[in-house]
Amino acid sequence: MRRLALLSIMILVAAGGGLTRTARAGPPYLADVAISALTERLGDCDASVRQAAALALRDMGPEAKAAIPALAQRLRDVDGYVAIDASYTLGKMGPEAVPSLVPLLRDCEPRVRELAVRTLRQIGPEAKAAVPAMAERLRDCDASVRQAAAFALREMGPEAKAAIPALAQRLRDIDGYVAIDSAQTLKGMGPEAVPGLTPLLRDCEPRVRELAVRTLRQIGSEAISVSPLDRR
């Protein structure tokens, strides 16, 4: 009976937001009852049900924000499809999801850390409260997490300028993709990135010096006006 009720809720949601319209037209507690039932099914023993619940909550939009803590826990789900769909749903929740995502940035599993970073990237500049924690992940032991963090900070735009020193250090990363993505993120920071880049022009590694030069070149004339390039 419970599974049948859940299926009915999902059908209404899939039908162009039917559940939301029904909740508004009927008793005011209807949406809360549905959200509570779907949130409970995020812990279902069947992965298909967990995934369906995550999708249904996404379609319900902002009204489903009470499910944020449970959705965040599903980023640890053993089923990758459930974890990814929970991530996308959280990305639609906006800045209210940030407090539940930040602790996952220090999860023992790299895949969970990376997915938390990617979810914060979806939220974008509104996730600015997570910038310090994201900057920490630039030093993650897993290259995929470091790269995801560099990319996510780029999406956050000017709100991520506090991460400039950490991003500049990643031009020395042993993983070329991490280094390049960090450079691209610094380029988007504009002239404020110059003080973090100029010391790298004297790095012992040619590849680091070259990447610093290329990044300053991309920033353009604004970089020269802040700090002339040292050619020595």
C-alpha atoms as a PDB file:
ATOM      1  CA  MET A   1       0.000   0.000   0.000  1.00  0.00           C
ATOM      2  CA  ARG A   2       2.813   2.407   0.905  1.00  0.00           C
ATOM      3  CA  ARG A   3       4.617   1.741  -2.393  1.00  0.00           C
ATOM      4  CA  LEU A   4       1.345   2.298  -4.281  1.00  0.00           C
ATOM      5  CA  ALA A   5       0.815   5.630  -2.547  1.00  0.00           C
ATOM      6  CA  LEU A   6       4.362   6.660  -3.403  1.00  0.00           C
ATOM      7  CA  LEU A   7       3.855   5.729  -7.036  1.00  0.00           C
ATOM      8  CA  SER A   8       0.701   7.850  -7.146  1.00  0.00           C
ATOM      9  CA  ILE A   9       2.619  10.844  -5.803  1.00  0.00           C
ATOM     10  CA  MET A  10       5.362  10.419  -8.395  1.00  0.00           C
ATOM     11  CA  ILE A  11       2.851  10.212 -11.230  1.00  0.00           C
ATOM     12  CA  LEU A  12       1.278  13.477 -10.086  1.00  0.00           C
ATOM     13  CA  VAL A  13       4.674  15.164  -9.932  1.00  0.00           C
ATOM     14  CA  ALA A  14       5.644  13.903 -13.357  1.00  0.00           C
ATOM     15  CA  ALA A  15       2.376  15.208 -14.794  1.00  0.00           C
ATOM     16  CA  GLY A  16       3.601  18.772 -15.091  1.00  0.00           C
ATOM     17  CA  GLY A  17       3.768  19.632 -11.429  1.00  0.00           C
ATOM     18  CA  GLY A  18       0.413  18.058 -10.653  1.00  0.00           C
ATOM     19  CA  LEU A  19       1.232  17.481  -7.034  1.00  0.00           C
ATOM     20  CA  THR A  20       2.034  21.127  -6.444  1.00  0.00           C
ATOM     21  CA  ARG A  21      -1.229  22.231  -8.031  1.00  0.00           C
ATOM     22  CA  THR A  22      -3.167  19.634  -6.063  1.00  0.00           C
ATOM     23  CA  ALA A  23      -1.554  20.717  -2.804  1.00  0.00           C
ATOM     24  CA  ARG A  24      -2.473  24.347  -3.440  1.00  0.00           C
ATOM     25  CA  ALA A  25      -6.030  23.506  -4.361  1.00  0.00           C
ATOM     26  CA  GLY A  26      -6.575  21.069  -1.486  1.00  0.00           C
ATOM     27  CA  PRO A  27      -5.756  21.019   2.227  1.00  0.00           C
ATOM     28  CA  PRO A  28      -2.644  23.112   3.020  1.00  0.00           C
ATOM     29  CA  TYR A  29      -0.867  20.159   4.635  1.00  0.00           C
ATOM     30  CA  LEU A  30      -1.009  17.958   1.520  1.00  0.00           C
ATOM     31  CA  ALA A  31       2.373  19.049   0.134  1.00  0.00           C
ATOM     32  CA  ASP A  32       4.038  18.562   3.530  1.00  0.00           C
ATOM     33  CA  VAL A  33       2.616  15.046   3.765  1.00  0.00           C
ATOM     34  CA  ALA A  34       3.925  14.199   0.286  1.00  0.00           C
ATOM     35  CA  ILE A  35       7.378  15.652   0.985  1.00  0.00           C
ATOM     36  CA  SER A  36       7.600  13.721   4.231  1.00  0.00           C
ATOM     37  CA  ALA A  37       6.631  10.473   2.492  1.00  0.00           C
ATOM     38  CA  LEU A  38       9.128  11.010  -0.326  1.00  0.00           C
ATOM     39  CA  THR A  39      11.894  11.936   2.102  1.00  0.00           C
ATOM     40  CA  GLU A  40      11.311   8.704   3.975  1.00  0.00           C
ATOM     41  CA  ARG A  41      11.635   6.752   0.712  1.00  0.00           C
ATOM     42  CA  LEU A  42      15.097   8.216   0.157  1.00  0.00           C
ATOM     43  CA  GLY A  43      16.115   5.565   2.673  1.00  0.00           C
ATOM     44  CA  ASP A  44      14.266   2.752   0.902  1.00  0.00           C
ATOM     45  CA  CYS A  45      16.032  -0.614   0.585  1.00  0.00           C
ATOM     46  CA  ASP A  46      15.407  -0.523  -3.188  1.00  0.00           C
ATOM     47  CA  ALA A  47      17.676   1.769  -5.221  1.00  0.00           C
ATOM     48  CA  SER A  48      15.000   2.386  -7.862  1.00  0.00           C
ATOM     49  CA  VAL A  49      12.651   3.751  -5.216  1.00  0.00           C
ATOM     50  CA  ARG A  50      15.386   5.966  -3.749  1.00  0.00           C
ATOM     51  CA  GLN A  51      16.176   7.341  -7.190  1.00  0.00           C
ATOM     52  CA  ALA A  52      12.502   7.938  -7.993  1.00  0.00           C
ATOM     53  CA  ALA A  53      12.056   9.786  -4.695  1.00  0.00           C
ATOM     54  CA  ALA A  54      15.048  12.049  -5.458  1.00  0.00           C
ATOM     55  CA  LEU A  55      13.613  12.848  -8.894  1.00  0.00           C
ATOM     56  CA  ALA A  56      10.155  13.516  -7.496  1.00  0.00           C
ATOM     57  CA  LEU A  57      11.538  15.913  -4.890  1.00  0.00           C
ATOM     58  CA  ARG A  58      13.421  17.755  -7.625  1.00  0.00           C
ATOM     59  CA  ASP A  59      10.217  18.249  -9.584  1.00  0.00           C
ATOM     60  CA  MET A  60       8.496  19.635  -6.505  1.00  0.00           C
ATOM     61  CA  GLY A  61      11.002  22.472  -6.434  1.00  0.00           C
ATOM     62  CA  PRO A  62      11.479  24.871  -3.501  1.00  0.00           C
ATOM     63  CA  GLU A  63       8.601  23.331  -1.575  1.00  0.00           C
ATOM     64  CA  ALA A  64      10.775  20.261  -0.990  1.00  0.00           C
ATOM     65  CA  LYS A  65      13.575  22.034   0.898  1.00  0.00           C
ATOM     66  CA  ALA A  66      12.682  20.149   4.069  1.00  0.00           C
ATOM     67  CA  ALA A  67      14.226  17.107   2.365  1.00  0.00           C
ATOM     68  CA  ILE A  68      17.675  18.721   2.011  1.00  0.00           C
ATOM     69  CA  PRO A  69      19.406  16.845   4.898  1.00  0.00           C
ATOM     70  CA  ALA A  70      18.150  13.477   3.663  1.00  0.00           C
ATOM     71  CA  LEU A  71      19.111  14.292   0.069  1.00  0.00           C
ATOM     72  CA  ALA A  72      22.616  15.278   1.175  1.00  0.00           C
ATOM     73  CA  GLN A  73      23.075  11.895   2.830  1.00  0.00           C
ATOM     74  CA  ARG A  74      22.174  10.219  -0.447  1.00  0.00           C
ATOM     75  CA  LEU A  75      25.359  11.588  -1.993  1.00  0.00           C
ATOM     76  CA  ARG A  76      26.913   8.680  -0.072  1.00  0.00           C
ATOM     77  CA  ASP A  77      24.509   6.183  -1.677  1.00  0.00           C
ATOM     78  CA  VAL A  78      26.109   2.960  -2.887  1.00  0.00           C
ATOM     79  CA  ASP A  79      24.078   3.333  -6.087  1.00  0.00           C
ATOM     80  CA  GLY A  80      25.693   5.951  -8.312  1.00  0.00           C
ATOM     81  CA  TYR A  81      22.459   6.880 -10.065  1.00  0.00           C
ATOM     82  CA  VAL A  82      20.787   7.668  -6.741  1.00  0.00           C
ATOM     83  CA  ALA A  83      23.754   9.777  -5.642  1.00  0.00           C
ATOM     84  CA  ILE A  84      23.839  11.755  -8.894  1.00  0.00           C
ATOM     85  CA  ASP A  85      20.085  12.409  -8.936  1.00  0.00           C
ATOM     86  CA  ALA A  86      20.197  13.504  -5.293  1.00  0.00           C
ATOM     87  CA  SER A  87      23.024  15.863  -6.245  1.00  0.00           C
ATOM     88  CA  TYR A  88      21.023  17.444  -9.071  1.00  0.00           C
ATOM     89  CA  THR A  89      18.034  17.847  -6.784  1.00  0.00           C
ATOM     90  CA  LEU A  90      20.160  19.601  -4.171  1.00  0.00           C
ATOM     91  CA  GLY A  91      21.592  21.859  -6.868  1.00  0.00           C
ATOM     92  CA  LYS A  92      18.057  23.120  -7.505  1.00  0.00           C
ATOM     93  CA  MET A  93      17.530  23.956  -3.840  1.00  0.00           C
ATOM     94  CA  GLY A  94      19.851  26.957  -3.860  1.00  0.00           C
ATOM     95  CA  PRO A  95      21.899  28.323  -0.957  1.00  0.00           C
ATOM     96  CA  GLU A  96      19.759  26.580   1.658  1.00  0.00           C
ATOM     97  CA  ALA A  97      21.473  23.326   0.657  1.00  0.00           C
ATOM     98  CA  VAL A  98      24.993  24.635   1.370  1.00  0.00           C
ATOM     99  CA  PRO A  99      25.120  23.869   5.136  1.00  0.00           C
ATOM    100  CA  SER A 100      24.270  20.225   4.430  1.00  0.00           C
ATOM    101  CA  LEU A 101      26.856  19.954   1.635  1.00  0.00           C
ATOM    102  CA  VAL A 102      29.911  21.509   3.299  1.00  0.00           C
ATOM    103  CA  PRO A 103      30.470  18.592   5.745  1.00  0.00           C
ATOM    104  CA  LEU A 104      30.529  16.196   2.777  1.00  0.00           C
ATOM    105  CA  LEU A 105      33.573  18.010   1.396  1.00  0.00           C
ATOM    106  CA  ARG A 106      35.565  16.181   4.085  1.00  0.00           C
ATOM    107  CA  ASP A 107      33.979  12.772   3.584  1.00  0.00           C
ATOM    108  CA  CYS A 108      36.381   9.820   3.630  1.00  0.00           C
ATOM    109  CA  GLU A 109      35.245   8.792   0.128  1.00  0.00           C
ATOM    110  CA  PRO A 110      36.692  10.799  -2.813  1.00  0.00           C
ATOM    111  CA  ARG A 111      33.581  10.192  -4.910  1.00  0.00           C
ATOM    112  CA  VAL A 112      31.423  11.793  -2.214  1.00  0.00           C
ATOM    113  CA  ARG A 113      33.733  14.798  -1.900  1.00  0.00           C
ATOM    114  CA  GLU A 114      33.756  15.256  -5.662  1.00  0.00           C
ATOM    115  CA  LEU A 115      29.976  15.021  -5.903  1.00  0.00           C
ATOM    116  CA  ALA A 116      29.562  17.554  -3.088  1.00  0.00           C
ATOM    117  CA  VAL A 117      31.866  19.932  -4.971  1.00  0.00           C
ATOM    118  CA  ARG A 118      29.914  19.437  -8.185  1.00  0.00           C
ATOM    119  CA  THR A 119      26.639  20.099  -6.368  1.00  0.00           C
ATOM    120  CA  LEU A 120      27.984  23.369  -4.967  1.00  0.00           C
ATOM    121  CA  ARG A 121      29.063  24.264  -8.492  1.00  0.00           C
ATOM    122  CA  GLN A 122      25.447  23.880  -9.610  1.00  0.00           C
ATOM    123  CA  ILE A 123      24.337  26.328  -6.934  1.00  0.00           C
ATOM    124  CA  GLY A 124      26.918  28.808  -8.208  1.00  0.00           C
ATOM    125  CA  PRO A 125      27.661  32.218  -6.642  1.00  0.00           C
ATOM    126  CA  GLU A 126      24.907  31.686  -4.077  1.00  0.00           C
ATOM    127  CA  ALA A 127      27.154  29.013  -2.524  1.00  0.00           C
ATOM    128  CA  LYS A 128      29.748  31.649  -1.562  1.00  0.00           C
ATOM    129  CA  ALA A 129      29.640  30.515   2.085  1.00  0.00           C
ATOM    130  CA  ALA A 130      31.355  27.307   0.940  1.00  0.00           C
ATOM    131  CA  VAL A 131      34.343  29.044  -0.726  1.00  0.00           C
ATOM    132  CA  PRO A 132      36.787  28.464   2.190  1.00  0.00           C
ATOM    133  CA  ALA A 133      35.870  24.769   2.332  1.00  0.00           C
ATOM    134  CA  MET A 134      36.159  24.522  -1.467  1.00  0.00           C
ATOM    135  CA  ALA A 135      39.613  26.114  -1.341  1.00  0.00           C
ATOM    136  CA  GLU A 136      40.664  23.359   1.070  1.00  0.00           C
ATOM    137  CA  ARG A 137      39.650  20.767  -1.504  1.00  0.00           C
ATOM    138  CA  LEU A 138      42.203  22.243  -3.905  1.00  0.00           C
ATOM    139  CA  ARG A 139      44.698  20.353  -1.723  1.00  0.00           C
ATOM    140  CA  ASP A 140      42.708  17.110  -1.795  1.00  0.00           C
ATOM    141  CA  CYS A 141      44.685  13.885  -2.152  1.00  0.00           C
ATOM    142  CA  ASP A 142      42.465  12.948  -5.131  1.00  0.00           C
ATOM    143  CA  ALA A 143      43.149  14.782  -8.406  1.00  0.00           C
ATOM    144  CA  SER A 144      39.533  14.506  -9.544  1.00  0.00           C
ATOM    145  CA  VAL A 145      38.392  16.343  -6.433  1.00  0.00           C
ATOM    146  CA  ARG A 146      41.049  19.050  -6.917  1.00  0.00           C
ATOM    147  CA  GLN A 147      40.019  19.538 -10.534  1.00  0.00           C
ATOM    148  CA  ALA A 148      36.319  19.661  -9.636  1.00  0.00           C
ATOM    149  CA  ALA A 149      37.062  22.277  -6.968  1.00  0.00           C
ATOM    150  CA  ALA A 150      39.010  24.475  -9.400  1.00  0.00           C
ATOM    151  CA  PHE A 151      36.168  24.241 -11.918  1.00  0.00           C
ATOM    152  CA  ALA A 152      33.482  24.931  -9.314  1.00  0.00           C
ATOM    153  CA  LEU A 153      35.293  28.025  -8.038  1.00  0.00           C
ATOM    154  CA  ARG A 154      35.360  29.325 -11.607  1.00  0.00           C
ATOM    155  CA  GLU A 155      31.569  29.014 -11.786  1.00  0.00           C
ATOM    156  CA  MET A 156      31.247  31.011  -8.569  1.00  0.00           C
ATOM    157  CA  GLY A 157      32.897  34.010 -10.203  1.00  0.00           C
ATOM    158  CA  PRO A 158      33.937  37.029  -8.111  1.00  0.00           C
ATOM    159  CA  GLU A 159      32.526  35.419  -4.968  1.00  0.00           C
ATOM    160  CA  ALA A 160      35.462  32.974  -5.053  1.00  0.00           C
ATOM    161  CA  LYS A 161      38.284  35.539  -5.014  1.00  0.00           C
ATOM    162  CA  ALA A 162      39.254  34.504  -1.486  1.00  0.00           C
ATOM    163  CA  ALA A 163      40.514  31.262  -3.080  1.00  0.00           C
ATOM    164  CA  ILE A 164      43.076  33.019  -5.326  1.00  0.00           C
ATOM    165  CA  PRO A 165      46.162  32.063  -3.243  1.00  0.00           C
ATOM    166  CA  ALA A 166      45.142  28.401  -3.142  1.00  0.00           C
ATOM    167  CA  LEU A 167      44.373  28.397  -6.878  1.00  0.00           C
ATOM    168  CA  ALA A 168      47.757  29.925  -7.695  1.00  0.00           C
ATOM    169  CA  GLN A 169      49.501  27.109  -5.830  1.00  0.00           C
ATOM    170  CA  ARG A 170      47.671  24.590  -7.980  1.00  0.00           C
ATOM    171  CA  LEU A 171      49.587  25.774 -11.048  1.00  0.00           C
ATOM    172  CA  ARG A 172      52.307  23.578  -9.516  1.00  0.00           C
ATOM    173  CA  ASP A 173      49.978  20.561  -9.378  1.00  0.00           C
ATOM    174  CA  ILE A 174      51.459  17.301 -10.623  1.00  0.00           C
ATOM    175  CA  ASP A 175      48.188  16.693 -12.478  1.00  0.00           C
ATOM    176  CA  GLY A 176      48.156  18.794 -15.639  1.00  0.00           C
ATOM    177  CA  TYR A 177      44.369  19.013 -15.805  1.00  0.00           C
ATOM    178  CA  VAL A 178      44.214  20.445 -12.288  1.00  0.00           C
ATOM    179  CA  ALA A 179      46.899  22.993 -13.129  1.00  0.00           C
ATOM    180  CA  ILE A 180      45.180  24.110 -16.334  1.00  0.00           C
ATOM    181  CA  ASP A 181      41.731  24.379 -14.750  1.00  0.00           C
ATOM    182  CA  SER A 182      43.205  26.390 -11.882  1.00  0.00           C
ATOM    183  CA  ALA A 183      44.851  28.727 -14.388  1.00  0.00           C
ATOM    184  CA  GLN A 184      41.556  29.191 -16.234  1.00  0.00           C
ATOM    185  CA  THR A 185      39.797  30.006 -12.972  1.00  0.00           C
ATOM    186  CA  LEU A 186      42.481  32.562 -12.089  1.00  0.00           C
ATOM    187  CA  LYS A 187      42.108  34.147 -15.508  1.00  0.00           C
ATOM    188  CA  GLY A 188      38.460  34.786 -14.721  1.00  0.00           C
ATOM    189  CA  MET A 189      39.427  36.528 -11.482  1.00  0.00           C
ATOM    190  CA  GLY A 190      41.034  39.379 -13.430  1.00  0.00           C
ATOM    191  CA  PRO A 191      43.749  41.668 -12.071  1.00  0.00           C
ATOM    192  CA  GLU A 192      43.106  40.596  -8.490  1.00  0.00           C
ATOM    193  CA  ALA A 193      44.836  37.303  -9.366  1.00  0.00           C
ATOM    194  CA  VAL A 194      48.088  39.008 -10.363  1.00  0.00           C
ATOM    195  CA  PRO A 195      49.722  39.093  -6.891  1.00  0.00           C
ATOM    196  CA  GLY A 196      49.183  35.340  -6.621  1.00  0.00           C
ATOM    197  CA  LEU A 197      50.653  34.699 -10.071  1.00  0.00           C
ATOM    198  CA  THR A 198      53.779  36.875 -10.220  1.00  0.00           C
ATOM    199  CA  PRO A 199      55.826  34.798  -7.699  1.00  0.00           C
ATOM    200  CA  LEU A 200      55.298  31.778  -9.964  1.00  0.00           C
ATOM    201  CA  LEU A 201      57.233  33.520 -12.744  1.00  0.00           C
ATOM    202  CA  ARG A 202      60.408  32.518 -10.853  1.00  0.00           C
ATOM    203  CA  ASP A 203      59.349  28.953 -10.085  1.00  0.00           C
ATOM    204  CA  CYS A 204      61.996  26.272 -10.557  1.00  0.00           C
ATOM    205  CA  GLU A 205      59.718  24.360 -12.938  1.00  0.00           C
ATOM    206  CA  PRO A 206      59.515  25.692 -16.535  1.00  0.00           C
ATOM    207  CA  ARG A 207      55.967  24.372 -16.956  1.00  0.00           C
ATOM    208  CA  VAL A 208      54.828  26.403 -13.938  1.00  0.00           C
ATOM    209  CA  ARG A 209      56.541  29.569 -15.179  1.00  0.00           C
ATOM    210  CA  GLU A 210      54.991  29.100 -18.613  1.00  0.00           C
ATOM    211  CA  LEU A 211      51.502  28.563 -17.220  1.00  0.00           C
ATOM    212  CA  ALA A 212      51.829  31.652 -15.029  1.00  0.00           C
ATOM    213  CA  VAL A 213      52.918  33.712 -18.052  1.00  0.00           C
ATOM    214  CA  ARG A 214      50.033  32.397 -20.157  1.00  0.00           C
ATOM    215  CA  THR A 215      47.535  33.160 -17.404  1.00  0.00           C
ATOM    216  CA  LEU A 216      48.814  36.703 -17.002  1.00  0.00           C
ATOM    217  CA  ARG A 217      48.676  37.144 -20.762  1.00  0.00           C
ATOM    218  CA  GLN A 218      45.020  36.057 -20.759  1.00  0.00           C
ATOM    219  CA  ILE A 219      44.224  38.537 -18.009  1.00  0.00           C
ATOM    220  CA  GLY A 220      45.650  41.100 -20.419  1.00  0.00           C
ATOM    221  CA  SER A 221      46.664  44.717 -20.063  1.00  0.00           C
ATOM    222  CA  GLU A 222      44.988  44.906 -16.663  1.00  0.00           C
ATOM    223  CA  ALA A 223      47.687  42.554 -15.342  1.00  0.00           C
ATOM    224  CA  ILE A 224      50.493  44.740 -16.649  1.00  0.00           C
ATOM    225  CA  SER A 225      49.003  47.815 -15.006  1.00  0.00           C
ATOM    226  CA  VAL A 226      48.973  46.040 -11.645  1.00  0.00           C
ATOM    227  CA  SER A 227      52.404  44.391 -11.744  1.00  0.00           C
ATOM    228  CA  PRO A 228      54.865  44.413 -14.685  1.00  0.00           C
ATOM    229  CA  LEU A 229      56.027  40.983 -15.821  1.00  0.00           C
ATOM    230  CA  ASP A 230      59.430  40.059 -14.473  1.00  0.00           C
ATOM    231  CA  ARG A 231      61.407  38.603 -17.397  1.00  0.00           C
ATOM    232  CA  ARG A 232      64.444  37.624 -15.399  1.00  0.00           C
END
